């Protein structure tokens, strides 16, 4: 049984500020250790439930954050960037029995969610597919679902967990902190958070027959950008149509086409800022 884990940093217990998430700051190494331990807790829970292989995808920033010798030696790791499928790298290559999303955060514009953003906060104001706003969990779940892999677990702050239940349907969520605003929260002690994540991952894997792959009937992509100069830049992408001053649209053939278009918009848009 193969289990996939995508791990981000903003949703990890104890992380509340952007300074903790940026390489070169005084708090970054500590945040990397916290992130690694939560990923490891999810992996241990998967192994507890009978997983025979666990792939962990480092999904934060430059994607070189995991401290390898803090991970269970049975896991394999996807590290570094640029990855063609970014936070969902590895899901496109083979079908996994279940995907677990650890340390995730709310989508851009979510109130009372720690460090809310969608893929790149200085570029993207909102992403919609089939008219529905999607956070990173939803976008990555589309990639998983296109390969028949359901998402069984999301961990992060309470608002993010509620957002993911509303978006993805029934699944296991583990709340490790409760946001007071965008950069402050009441948080569990990291040891307690890892205990709950391990138990949640075990439960999600044990119940894997209950979860269903996420999909949407239509794959029309709309992206609201932060400002008009970004829209100026990304409107040159073939197939992208500018529908408003800060909005572009793209009609995707399939999920792979949609995801690549989104990443192109994010990366090209990033050159402006």
C-alpha atoms as a PDB file:
ATOM      1  CA  UNK A   1       0.000   0.000   0.000  1.00  0.00           C
ATOM      2  CA  UNK A   2       1.465   3.328  -1.106  1.00  0.00           C
ATOM      3  CA  UNK A   3       0.777   6.587   0.757  1.00  0.00           C
ATOM      4  CA  UNK A   4       1.694  10.080  -0.433  1.00  0.00           C
ATOM      5  CA  UNK A   5       2.378  13.013   1.894  1.00  0.00           C
ATOM      6  CA  UNK A   6       2.628  16.639   0.785  1.00  0.00           C
ATOM      7  CA  UNK A   7       3.938  18.806   3.643  1.00  0.00           C
ATOM      8  CA  UNK A   8       3.865  22.588   3.857  1.00  0.00           C
ATOM      9  CA  UNK A   9       5.105  24.845   6.653  1.00  0.00           C
ATOM     10  CA  UNK A  10       2.519  27.547   7.367  1.00  0.00           C
ATOM     11  CA  UNK A  11       0.049  25.099   8.900  1.00  0.00           C
ATOM     12  CA  UNK A  12       2.522  23.506  11.313  1.00  0.00           C
ATOM     13  CA  UNK A  13       2.026  23.864  15.084  1.00  0.00           C
ATOM     14  CA  UNK A  14       4.112  26.751  16.438  1.00  0.00           C
ATOM     15  CA  UNK A  15       4.421  28.547  13.083  1.00  0.00           C
ATOM     16  CA  UNK A  16       2.523  31.840  13.028  1.00  0.00           C
ATOM     17  CA  UNK A  17       4.659  34.432  11.183  1.00  0.00           C
ATOM     18  CA  UNK A  18       6.238  34.748   7.771  1.00  0.00           C
ATOM     19  CA  UNK A  19       9.679  35.269   9.295  1.00  0.00           C
ATOM     20  CA  UNK A  20       9.595  31.661  10.476  1.00  0.00           C
ATOM     21  CA  UNK A  21       8.992  30.472   6.920  1.00  0.00           C
ATOM     22  CA  UNK A  22      11.766  32.342   5.103  1.00  0.00           C
ATOM     23  CA  UNK A  23      15.253  30.962   4.594  1.00  0.00           C
ATOM     24  CA  UNK A  24      17.940  33.068   6.253  1.00  0.00           C
ATOM     25  CA  UNK A  25      15.900  34.232   9.239  1.00  0.00           C
ATOM     26  CA  UNK A  26      16.779  33.350  12.823  1.00  0.00           C
ATOM     27  CA  UNK A  27      13.681  31.180  13.284  1.00  0.00           C
ATOM     28  CA  UNK A  28      13.778  29.282   9.997  1.00  0.00           C
ATOM     29  CA  UNK A  29      15.797  26.243  11.090  1.00  0.00           C
ATOM     30  CA  UNK A  30      13.478  25.675  14.043  1.00  0.00           C
ATOM     31  CA  UNK A  31      10.452  25.863  11.737  1.00  0.00           C
ATOM     32  CA  UNK A  32      12.068  23.322   9.386  1.00  0.00           C
ATOM     33  CA  UNK A  33      12.492  20.941  12.327  1.00  0.00           C
ATOM     34  CA  UNK A  34       8.855  21.406  13.354  1.00  0.00           C
ATOM     35  CA  UNK A  35       7.723  20.785   9.770  1.00  0.00           C
ATOM     36  CA  UNK A  36       9.866  17.660   9.496  1.00  0.00           C
ATOM     37  CA  UNK A  37       8.528  16.177  12.717  1.00  0.00           C
ATOM     38  CA  UNK A  38       4.907  16.655  11.614  1.00  0.00           C
ATOM     39  CA  UNK A  39       5.633  15.010   8.256  1.00  0.00           C
ATOM     40  CA  UNK A  40       7.287  12.158  10.104  1.00  0.00           C
ATOM     41  CA  UNK A  41       4.311  11.806  12.451  1.00  0.00           C
ATOM     42  CA  UNK A  42       2.010  11.407   9.445  1.00  0.00           C
ATOM     43  CA  UNK A  43       4.373   8.846   7.916  1.00  0.00           C
ATOM     44  CA  UNK A  44       4.491   6.865  11.163  1.00  0.00           C
ATOM     45  CA  UNK A  45       0.695   6.872  11.308  1.00  0.00           C
ATOM     46  CA  UNK A  46       0.550   5.557   7.750  1.00  0.00           C
ATOM     47  CA  UNK A  47       3.011   2.791   8.586  1.00  0.00           C
ATOM     48  CA  UNK A  48       1.000   1.984  11.727  1.00  0.00           C
ATOM     49  CA  UNK A  49      -2.014   1.398   9.457  1.00  0.00           C
ATOM     50  CA  UNK A  50      -0.146  -0.950   7.119  1.00  0.00           C
ATOM     51  CA  UNK A  51       1.443   1.278   4.497  1.00  0.00           C
ATOM     52  CA  UNK A  52       4.354  -0.411   2.769  1.00  0.00           C
ATOM     53  CA  UNK A  53       5.724   2.724   1.078  1.00  0.00           C
ATOM     54  CA  UNK A  54       5.454   6.410   1.957  1.00  0.00           C
ATOM     55  CA  UNK A  55       6.572   9.219  -0.349  1.00  0.00           C
ATOM     56  CA  UNK A  56       7.004  12.644   1.287  1.00  0.00           C
ATOM     57  CA  UNK A  57       6.995  15.708  -0.971  1.00  0.00           C
ATOM     58  CA  UNK A  58       8.602  18.828   0.544  1.00  0.00           C
ATOM     59  CA  UNK A  59       6.070  21.456  -0.563  1.00  0.00           C
ATOM     60  CA  UNK A  60       7.192  24.716   1.027  1.00  0.00           C
ATOM     61  CA  UNK A  61       9.118  27.560  -0.588  1.00  0.00           C
ATOM     62  CA  UNK A  62      12.247  26.289  -2.291  1.00  0.00           C
ATOM     63  CA  UNK A  63      11.232  22.776  -1.199  1.00  0.00           C
ATOM     64  CA  UNK A  64      14.531  22.053   0.578  1.00  0.00           C
ATOM     65  CA  UNK A  65      13.256  22.276   4.135  1.00  0.00           C
ATOM     66  CA  UNK A  66      13.015  18.728   5.462  1.00  0.00           C
ATOM     67  CA  UNK A  67      15.706  17.551   7.873  1.00  0.00           C
ATOM     68  CA  UNK A  68      16.320  14.097   6.452  1.00  0.00           C
ATOM     69  CA  UNK A  69      17.795  12.397   9.499  1.00  0.00           C
ATOM     70  CA  UNK A  70      14.679  13.278  11.510  1.00  0.00           C
ATOM     71  CA  UNK A  71      12.525  11.203   9.141  1.00  0.00           C
ATOM     72  CA  UNK A  72      11.756   7.518   9.491  1.00  0.00           C
ATOM     73  CA  UNK A  73      14.236   5.608   7.297  1.00  0.00           C
ATOM     74  CA  UNK A  74      11.404   3.813   5.514  1.00  0.00           C
ATOM     75  CA  UNK A  75      10.207   6.961   3.720  1.00  0.00           C
ATOM     76  CA  UNK A  76      11.416   8.364   0.425  1.00  0.00           C
ATOM     77  CA  UNK A  77      11.523  12.106  -0.154  1.00  0.00           C
ATOM     78  CA  UNK A  78      10.954  14.487  -3.037  1.00  0.00           C
ATOM     79  CA  UNK A  79      13.125  17.546  -2.403  1.00  0.00           C
ATOM     80  CA  UNK A  80      14.081  20.678  -4.314  1.00  0.00           C
ATOM     81  CA  UNK A  81      12.544  22.828  -7.029  1.00  0.00           C
ATOM     82  CA  UNK A  82      11.444  23.605  -9.640  1.00  0.00           C
ATOM     83  CA  UNK A  83       9.274  20.501  -9.711  1.00  0.00           C
ATOM     84  CA  UNK A  84       6.878  20.210 -12.674  1.00  0.00           C
ATOM     85  CA  UNK A  85       3.927  19.596 -10.335  1.00  0.00           C
ATOM     86  CA  UNK A  86       5.225  21.611  -7.385  1.00  0.00           C
ATOM     87  CA  UNK A  87       3.320  20.695  -4.196  1.00  0.00           C
ATOM     88  CA  UNK A  88       1.667  17.784  -6.019  1.00  0.00           C
ATOM     89  CA  UNK A  89       4.880  16.357  -7.500  1.00  0.00           C
ATOM     90  CA  UNK A  90       4.861  12.559  -7.486  1.00  0.00           C
ATOM     91  CA  UNK A  91       1.090  12.243  -7.638  1.00  0.00           C
ATOM     92  CA  UNK A  92       1.166  12.435 -11.439  1.00  0.00           C
ATOM     93  CA  UNK A  93       3.674   9.605 -11.850  1.00  0.00           C
ATOM     94  CA  UNK A  94       1.818   6.738 -10.219  1.00  0.00           C
ATOM     95  CA  UNK A  95      -1.365   6.024  -8.357  1.00  0.00           C
ATOM     96  CA  UNK A  96      -1.091   6.114  -4.592  1.00  0.00           C
ATOM     97  CA  UNK A  97      -3.691   4.522  -2.363  1.00  0.00           C
ATOM     98  CA  UNK A  98      -4.101   7.714  -0.351  1.00  0.00           C
ATOM     99  CA  UNK A  99      -2.766  11.267  -0.103  1.00  0.00           C
ATOM    100  CA  UNK A 100      -2.198  13.120   3.170  1.00  0.00           C
ATOM    101  CA  UNK A 101      -1.728  16.915   3.288  1.00  0.00           C
ATOM    102  CA  UNK A 102       0.225  18.073   6.351  1.00  0.00           C
ATOM    103  CA  UNK A 103       0.904  21.629   7.531  1.00  0.00           C
ATOM    104  CA  UNK A 104      -1.516  23.194   5.053  1.00  0.00           C
ATOM    105  CA  UNK A 105      -2.972  26.719   5.248  1.00  0.00           C
ATOM    106  CA  UNK A 106      -6.050  28.603   4.099  1.00  0.00           C
ATOM    107  CA  UNK A 107      -6.479  29.950   0.607  1.00  0.00           C
ATOM    108  CA  UNK A 108      -5.771  33.583  -0.195  1.00  0.00           C
ATOM    109  CA  UNK A 109      -8.314  35.863   1.449  1.00  0.00           C
ATOM    110  CA  UNK A 110      -9.339  33.428   4.196  1.00  0.00           C
ATOM    111  CA  UNK A 111     -10.131  35.183   7.451  1.00  0.00           C
ATOM    112  CA  UNK A 112      -8.483  33.884  10.643  1.00  0.00           C
ATOM    113  CA  UNK A 113      -6.168  31.509   8.804  1.00  0.00           C
ATOM    114  CA  UNK A 114      -2.443  31.653   9.506  1.00  0.00           C
ATOM    115  CA  UNK A 115      -0.478  33.112   6.562  1.00  0.00           C
ATOM    116  CA  UNK A 116      -3.325  32.550   4.073  1.00  0.00           C
ATOM    117  CA  UNK A 117      -2.264  32.503   0.418  1.00  0.00           C
ATOM    118  CA  UNK A 118      -2.662  30.391  -2.719  1.00  0.00           C
ATOM    119  CA  UNK A 119       0.619  29.236  -4.232  1.00  0.00           C
ATOM    120  CA  UNK A 120       2.226  32.703  -4.192  1.00  0.00           C
ATOM    121  CA  UNK A 121       0.731  35.444  -2.113  1.00  0.00           C
ATOM    122  CA  UNK A 122       2.364  38.367  -3.945  1.00  0.00           C
ATOM    123  CA  UNK A 123       0.936  37.119  -7.279  1.00  0.00           C
ATOM    124  CA  UNK A 124      -2.405  35.397  -6.675  1.00  0.00           C
ATOM    125  CA  UNK A 125      -5.476  36.965  -5.072  1.00  0.00           C
ATOM    126  CA  UNK A 126      -7.820  34.022  -5.790  1.00  0.00           C
ATOM    127  CA  UNK A 127      -7.951  30.870  -7.911  1.00  0.00           C
ATOM    128  CA  UNK A 128     -11.250  29.441  -9.164  1.00  0.00           C
ATOM    129  CA  UNK A 129     -11.942  26.233 -11.060  1.00  0.00           C
ATOM    130  CA  UNK A 130     -15.438  25.660 -12.417  1.00  0.00           C
ATOM    131  CA  UNK A 131     -16.350  28.861 -10.585  1.00  0.00           C
ATOM    132  CA  UNK A 132     -15.297  27.489  -7.189  1.00  0.00           C
ATOM    133  CA  UNK A 133     -12.517  29.131  -5.171  1.00  0.00           C
ATOM    134  CA  UNK A 134      -9.810  26.556  -4.480  1.00  0.00           C
ATOM    135  CA  UNK A 135      -7.036  26.645  -1.913  1.00  0.00           C
ATOM    136  CA  UNK A 136      -3.778  24.749  -2.353  1.00  0.00           C
ATOM    137  CA  UNK A 137      -5.297  21.598  -0.873  1.00  0.00           C
ATOM    138  CA  UNK A 138      -8.090  21.704  -3.454  1.00  0.00           C
ATOM    139  CA  UNK A 139      -5.746  22.301  -6.380  1.00  0.00           C
ATOM    140  CA  UNK A 140      -3.406  19.507  -5.301  1.00  0.00           C
ATOM    141  CA  UNK A 141      -6.378  17.235  -4.637  1.00  0.00           C
ATOM    142  CA  UNK A 142      -7.425  17.711  -8.269  1.00  0.00           C
ATOM    143  CA  UNK A 143      -4.070  16.307  -9.401  1.00  0.00           C
ATOM    144  CA  UNK A 144      -4.434  13.399  -6.982  1.00  0.00           C
ATOM    145  CA  UNK A 145      -8.016  12.779  -8.053  1.00  0.00           C
ATOM    146  CA  UNK A 146      -7.093  12.698 -11.740  1.00  0.00           C
ATOM    147  CA  UNK A 147      -4.953   9.640 -10.915  1.00  0.00           C
ATOM    148  CA  UNK A 148      -7.625   8.032  -8.749  1.00  0.00           C
ATOM    149  CA  UNK A 149      -5.970   8.984  -5.451  1.00  0.00           C
ATOM    150  CA  UNK A 150      -8.248  10.383  -2.734  1.00  0.00           C
ATOM    151  CA  UNK A 151      -7.153  12.765   0.011  1.00  0.00           C
ATOM    152  CA  UNK A 152      -7.786  11.323   3.460  1.00  0.00           C
ATOM    153  CA  UNK A 153      -6.134  13.814   5.829  1.00  0.00           C
ATOM    154  CA  UNK A 154      -5.507  17.549   6.116  1.00  0.00           C
ATOM    155  CA  UNK A 155      -3.704  19.129   9.065  1.00  0.00           C
ATOM    156  CA  UNK A 156      -3.349  22.823   9.843  1.00  0.00           C
ATOM    157  CA  UNK A 157      -5.179  25.568  11.685  1.00  0.00           C
ATOM    158  CA  UNK A 158      -8.869  25.199  12.542  1.00  0.00           C
ATOM    159  CA  UNK A 159     -10.086  27.535   9.808  1.00  0.00           C
ATOM    160  CA  UNK A 160      -8.078  25.713   7.158  1.00  0.00           C
ATOM    161  CA  UNK A 161      -9.393  22.337   8.309  1.00  0.00           C
ATOM    162  CA  UNK A 162     -12.981  23.620   8.085  1.00  0.00           C
ATOM    163  CA  UNK A 163     -12.302  25.074   4.633  1.00  0.00           C
ATOM    164  CA  UNK A 164     -10.925  21.748   3.408  1.00  0.00           C
ATOM    165  CA  UNK A 165     -13.858  19.750   4.781  1.00  0.00           C
ATOM    166  CA  UNK A 166     -16.260  22.092   2.991  1.00  0.00           C
ATOM    167  CA  UNK A 167     -14.275  21.805  -0.236  1.00  0.00           C
ATOM    168  CA  UNK A 168     -13.147  18.174  -0.325  1.00  0.00           C
ATOM    169  CA  UNK A 169     -15.965  16.541   1.620  1.00  0.00           C
ATOM    170  CA  UNK A 170     -15.621  14.003   4.394  1.00  0.00           C
ATOM    171  CA  UNK A 171     -12.038  13.397   5.457  1.00  0.00           C
ATOM    172  CA  UNK A 172      -9.932  13.349   8.607  1.00  0.00           C
ATOM    173  CA  UNK A 173      -8.652  16.738   9.769  1.00  0.00           C
ATOM    174  CA  UNK A 174      -6.262  17.546  12.601  1.00  0.00           C
ATOM    175  CA  UNK A 175      -6.402  21.071  14.048  1.00  0.00           C
ATOM    176  CA  UNK A 176      -3.033  22.042  15.527  1.00  0.00           C
ATOM    177  CA  UNK A 177      -3.698  25.765  16.084  1.00  0.00           C
ATOM    178  CA  UNK A 178      -6.476  28.341  16.212  1.00  0.00           C
ATOM    179  CA  UNK A 179      -5.768  31.629  14.463  1.00  0.00           C
ATOM    180  CA  UNK A 180      -6.411  34.929  16.212  1.00  0.00           C
ATOM    181  CA  UNK A 181      -5.562  36.770  12.977  1.00  0.00           C
ATOM    182  CA  UNK A 182      -3.271  36.209  10.027  1.00  0.00           C
ATOM    183  CA  UNK A 183      -0.078  36.110  12.085  1.00  0.00           C
ATOM    184  CA  UNK A 184      -1.095  35.027  15.589  1.00  0.00           C
ATOM    185  CA  UNK A 185      -2.617  31.870  16.993  1.00  0.00           C
ATOM    186  CA  UNK A 186      -3.167  29.660  19.984  1.00  0.00           C
ATOM    187  CA  UNK A 187      -1.168  26.561  19.153  1.00  0.00           C
ATOM    188  CA  UNK A 188      -0.796  23.063  20.495  1.00  0.00           C
ATOM    189  CA  UNK A 189       2.537  22.008  21.893  1.00  0.00           C
ATOM    190  CA  UNK A 190       4.463  20.375  19.009  1.00  0.00           C
ATOM    191  CA  UNK A 191       4.629  17.012  20.790  1.00  0.00           C
ATOM    192  CA  UNK A 192       0.854  16.943  21.232  1.00  0.00           C
ATOM    193  CA  UNK A 193       0.332  18.034  17.626  1.00  0.00           C
ATOM    194  CA  UNK A 194       2.493  15.140  16.403  1.00  0.00           C
ATOM    195  CA  UNK A 195       0.566  12.658  18.524  1.00  0.00           C
ATOM    196  CA  UNK A 196      -2.709  13.822  16.977  1.00  0.00           C
ATOM    197  CA  UNK A 197      -1.279  13.842  13.447  1.00  0.00           C
ATOM    198  CA  UNK A 198       0.040  10.311  13.825  1.00  0.00           C
ATOM    199  CA  UNK A 199      -3.354   9.135  15.098  1.00  0.00           C
ATOM    200  CA  UNK A 200      -5.146  11.056  12.348  1.00  0.00           C
ATOM    201  CA  UNK A 201      -2.944   9.602   9.609  1.00  0.00           C
ATOM    202  CA  UNK A 202      -3.448   6.106  10.982  1.00  0.00           C
ATOM    203  CA  UNK A 203      -7.225   6.633  11.015  1.00  0.00           C
ATOM    204  CA  UNK A 204      -7.258   8.081   7.489  1.00  0.00           C
ATOM    205  CA  UNK A 205      -5.282   5.161   6.069  1.00  0.00           C
ATOM    206  CA  UNK A 206      -7.347   2.584   7.927  1.00  0.00           C
ATOM    207  CA  UNK A 207     -10.504   4.136   6.459  1.00  0.00           C
ATOM    208  CA  UNK A 208      -9.058   4.590   2.960  1.00  0.00           C
ATOM    209  CA  UNK A 209     -11.958   2.731   1.310  1.00  0.00           C
ATOM    210  CA  UNK A 210     -14.309   5.533   2.452  1.00  0.00           C
ATOM    211  CA  UNK A 211     -12.567   8.412   0.684  1.00  0.00           C
ATOM    212  CA  UNK A 212     -13.276   9.363  -2.922  1.00  0.00           C
ATOM    213  CA  UNK A 213     -10.995  11.115  -5.430  1.00  0.00           C
ATOM    214  CA  UNK A 214     -11.737  14.828  -5.808  1.00  0.00           C
ATOM    215  CA  UNK A 215     -12.895  16.070  -9.196  1.00  0.00           C
ATOM    216  CA  UNK A 216     -14.860  18.917 -10.746  1.00  0.00           C
ATOM    217  CA  UNK A 217     -17.210  18.673 -13.750  1.00  0.00           C
ATOM    218  CA  UNK A 218     -15.574  21.504 -15.692  1.00  0.00           C
ATOM    219  CA  UNK A 219     -11.983  22.729 -15.736  1.00  0.00           C
ATOM    220  CA  UNK A 220     -12.336  26.409 -16.515  1.00  0.00           C
ATOM    221  CA  UNK A 221      -9.507  28.177 -14.644  1.00  0.00           C
ATOM    222  CA  UNK A 222      -9.821  31.775 -13.447  1.00  0.00           C
ATOM    223  CA  UNK A 223      -7.081  33.593 -11.569  1.00  0.00           C
ATOM    224  CA  UNK A 224      -7.447  36.974  -9.913  1.00  0.00           C
ATOM    225  CA  UNK A 225      -4.017  38.599  -9.691  1.00  0.00           C
ATOM    226  CA  UNK A 226      -2.826  40.981  -7.003  1.00  0.00           C
ATOM    227  CA  UNK A 227      -2.338  43.928  -9.390  1.00  0.00           C
ATOM    228  CA  UNK A 228      -2.711  44.848 -13.042  1.00  0.00           C
ATOM    229  CA  UNK A 229       0.988  44.639 -13.945  1.00  0.00           C
ATOM    230  CA  UNK A 230       0.914  40.917 -13.172  1.00  0.00           C
ATOM    231  CA  UNK A 231      -2.114  40.541 -15.435  1.00  0.00           C
ATOM    232  CA  UNK A 232      -0.217  42.444 -18.148  1.00  0.00           C
ATOM    233  CA  UNK A 233       2.578  39.875 -17.920  1.00  0.00           C
ATOM    234  CA  UNK A 234       0.603  36.643 -17.785  1.00  0.00           C
ATOM    235  CA  UNK A 235      -1.865  37.643 -20.520  1.00  0.00           C
ATOM    236  CA  UNK A 236       0.831  36.811 -23.097  1.00  0.00           C
ATOM    237  CA  UNK A 237       0.643  33.088 -22.219  1.00  0.00           C
ATOM    238  CA  UNK A 238      -0.911  31.142 -25.124  1.00  0.00           C
ATOM    239  CA  UNK A 239      -4.532  30.275 -24.368  1.00  0.00           C
ATOM    240  CA  UNK A 240      -4.826  32.740 -21.487  1.00  0.00           C
ATOM    241  CA  UNK A 241      -7.585  35.340 -21.896  1.00  0.00           C
ATOM    242  CA  UNK A 242      -7.708  38.528 -19.874  1.00  0.00           C
ATOM    243  CA  UNK A 243     -11.294  38.934 -18.700  1.00  0.00           C
ATOM    244  CA  UNK A 244     -10.871  41.884 -16.331  1.00  0.00           C
ATOM    245  CA  UNK A 245      -8.183  44.286 -15.183  1.00  0.00           C
ATOM    246  CA  UNK A 246      -6.706  41.778 -12.716  1.00  0.00           C
ATOM    247  CA  UNK A 247      -8.319  38.524 -13.921  1.00  0.00           C
ATOM    248  CA  UNK A 248      -7.246  35.944 -16.482  1.00  0.00           C
ATOM    249  CA  UNK A 249      -8.994  32.777 -17.631  1.00  0.00           C
ATOM    250  CA  UNK A 250      -7.913  29.535 -19.246  1.00  0.00           C
ATOM    251  CA  UNK A 251     -10.025  26.643 -20.555  1.00  0.00           C
ATOM    252  CA  UNK A 252      -8.086  23.497 -19.689  1.00  0.00           C
ATOM    253  CA  UNK A 253      -8.257  20.222 -21.583  1.00  0.00           C
ATOM    254  CA  UNK A 254      -7.592  18.168 -18.473  1.00  0.00           C
ATOM    255  CA  UNK A 255      -6.193  18.511 -14.953  1.00  0.00           C
ATOM    256  CA  UNK A 256      -2.578  18.321 -16.114  1.00  0.00           C
ATOM    257  CA  UNK A 257      -3.193  21.144 -18.594  1.00  0.00           C
ATOM    258  CA  UNK A 258      -4.928  23.205 -15.891  1.00  0.00           C
ATOM    259  CA  UNK A 259      -2.180  22.706 -13.326  1.00  0.00           C
ATOM    260  CA  UNK A 260       0.597  23.570 -15.743  1.00  0.00           C
ATOM    261  CA  UNK A 261      -1.272  26.701 -16.824  1.00  0.00           C
ATOM    262  CA  UNK A 262      -1.678  27.756 -13.198  1.00  0.00           C
ATOM    263  CA  UNK A 263       2.000  27.219 -12.403  1.00  0.00           C
ATOM    264  CA  UNK A 264       2.979  29.154 -15.531  1.00  0.00           C
ATOM    265  CA  UNK A 265       0.771  32.060 -14.445  1.00  0.00           C
ATOM    266  CA  UNK A 266       2.251  31.989 -10.943  1.00  0.00           C
ATOM    267  CA  UNK A 267       5.867  31.775 -12.090  1.00  0.00           C
ATOM    268  CA  UNK A 268       5.624  34.323 -14.915  1.00  0.00           C
ATOM    269  CA  UNK A 269       3.603  36.614 -12.696  1.00  0.00           C
ATOM    270  CA  UNK A 270       6.327  36.354 -10.089  1.00  0.00           C
ATOM    271  CA  UNK A 271       8.825  37.995 -12.435  1.00  0.00           C
ATOM    272  CA  UNK A 272       6.860  41.247 -12.157  1.00  0.00           C
ATOM    273  CA  UNK A 273       7.078  41.365  -8.374  1.00  0.00           C
END
